């Protein structure tokens, strides 16, 4: 059994004031290693507190750290980079990253559905390749944002998940096939990030993806848009459609 802790960065709106991208990050943890992973994250949290002055009450959330974390922007970028390196160094943890670039999407595209369908489908594929013959099962734990919408989507994806497939040898063609979720069980559990270090770790990973795509001035001036995603490289699960740094990109759906 595997658990995937997922958090988002950016929004799913299409208005001019909306974020240019919508990012998702999933922290995948084998259930039998859960206690070890939480212990490692607890140690990391204490180490960051000792090194950078992060308060025990402060969540490991990228936007909050950059806005009001300890020290100046350079120190805050270094703190986030150190946290991401620590997450990626946990041996049994793997990370799935997905980003929806809104600029060239068709007007009717549902950003939430596009991003989450890809993220869940990739997790299902990971599970199919894991464990004994026939694959493993997995469970999703997500932040409380848009919980009813996510539950509805998961139910639908168990019946129908259209996926574009390339086939043919000499002449390559594309077709749409149905690949419903088979290995992701139950509906997602919705958890308050304040109560879960693993959700907070997923938030930091989602923040890293967002800042790679659309960095703030403070992050960019300290090269955080390059440093953050580089820090995660050892743990990222890459796909054929992934950007070179490992993020699965949706931009023409």
Foldseek 3Di string as FASTA:
>chain_A
DKEWEKEKDFDQDDDPPGAQKIKMKIKIADPVCVVVLQVLLVVLVVVLCVPQVFDPQDFLALVVCCVDNGDHLLSSLVSLLSSLLSNLPPVRIAMAMAMEREPQEDPPDRNVLVGVLVVLVVVLVVQCPDDDHRGAAYAYEYAPPPQVVQQVSLVVLQPFRWDWDWDDDPDIDIDIDTDGRDRYDDRHHHDHSSVDNNNSSRNSLNVLVSCLVPNDPSCVVSPSNPSNLVSNQSRYDADPCADVSRYRYHYYD
